Amino acid sequence: MNSSNGKKKVLFVDDEPNILNAYSRIFKNDGLELYFANNAQDALEKLEQNSVHLVITDYRMPGMNGLELLEEIRKKWVGIKGMIISAYDDYPRLLRENLKYSKLYPFLHKPWEQEKLKTLVEKLLGLVEK
C-alpha cells in the first residue's frame, strides 16, 4: 500500500477547514502523503481514487459521523487503520458507540497535543504492515 514514492498515505477527515489546515502544517515535513476530506462522503470518494494506510476522522460531522465512516471503510477496504478525534464531552457517547462494533478504534481528544497526535499516528502506521 505504499505509493510509488514509498510514502505512507494518510487521509484526514474533518468538517472544519482550520483543523484540516492544522493537520497539513503538523505533518507536512514527516514524509507522508496527505489527503484531506471535509465530510464522510468526500472521504469515501477519495478512497475510491486513492489507497491509504490510515484514516483520521473527526467524530462529529454533518451526515455520517466518524465512527460510522470508519465502519464503512472497514467493510470495504481491508487493512486501513482508523482513528477518531473527538471533543472531550463526546467521550462517554463515543465509547458506548464504539462498543457496538467488533473493532475498537483509537481516539484522541480535542484539543490534542501535537506530540501525542504524531506519536499515535506513527504507532498506527507502524502497525499497518505487521
Foldseek 3Di string as FASTA:
>chain_A
DQDPVRAAEEEEEALDVVVVVVVCVLCVPVRHHYHYYNHLVRVVVVCVVDPHQEYEYEQDDPDHGQVSSVVVCCVPPPLRAYEYEYAPVCVVVLVVVQVVDPDHHHYHYPPGDSVVVVVVVVVSSVPRPD
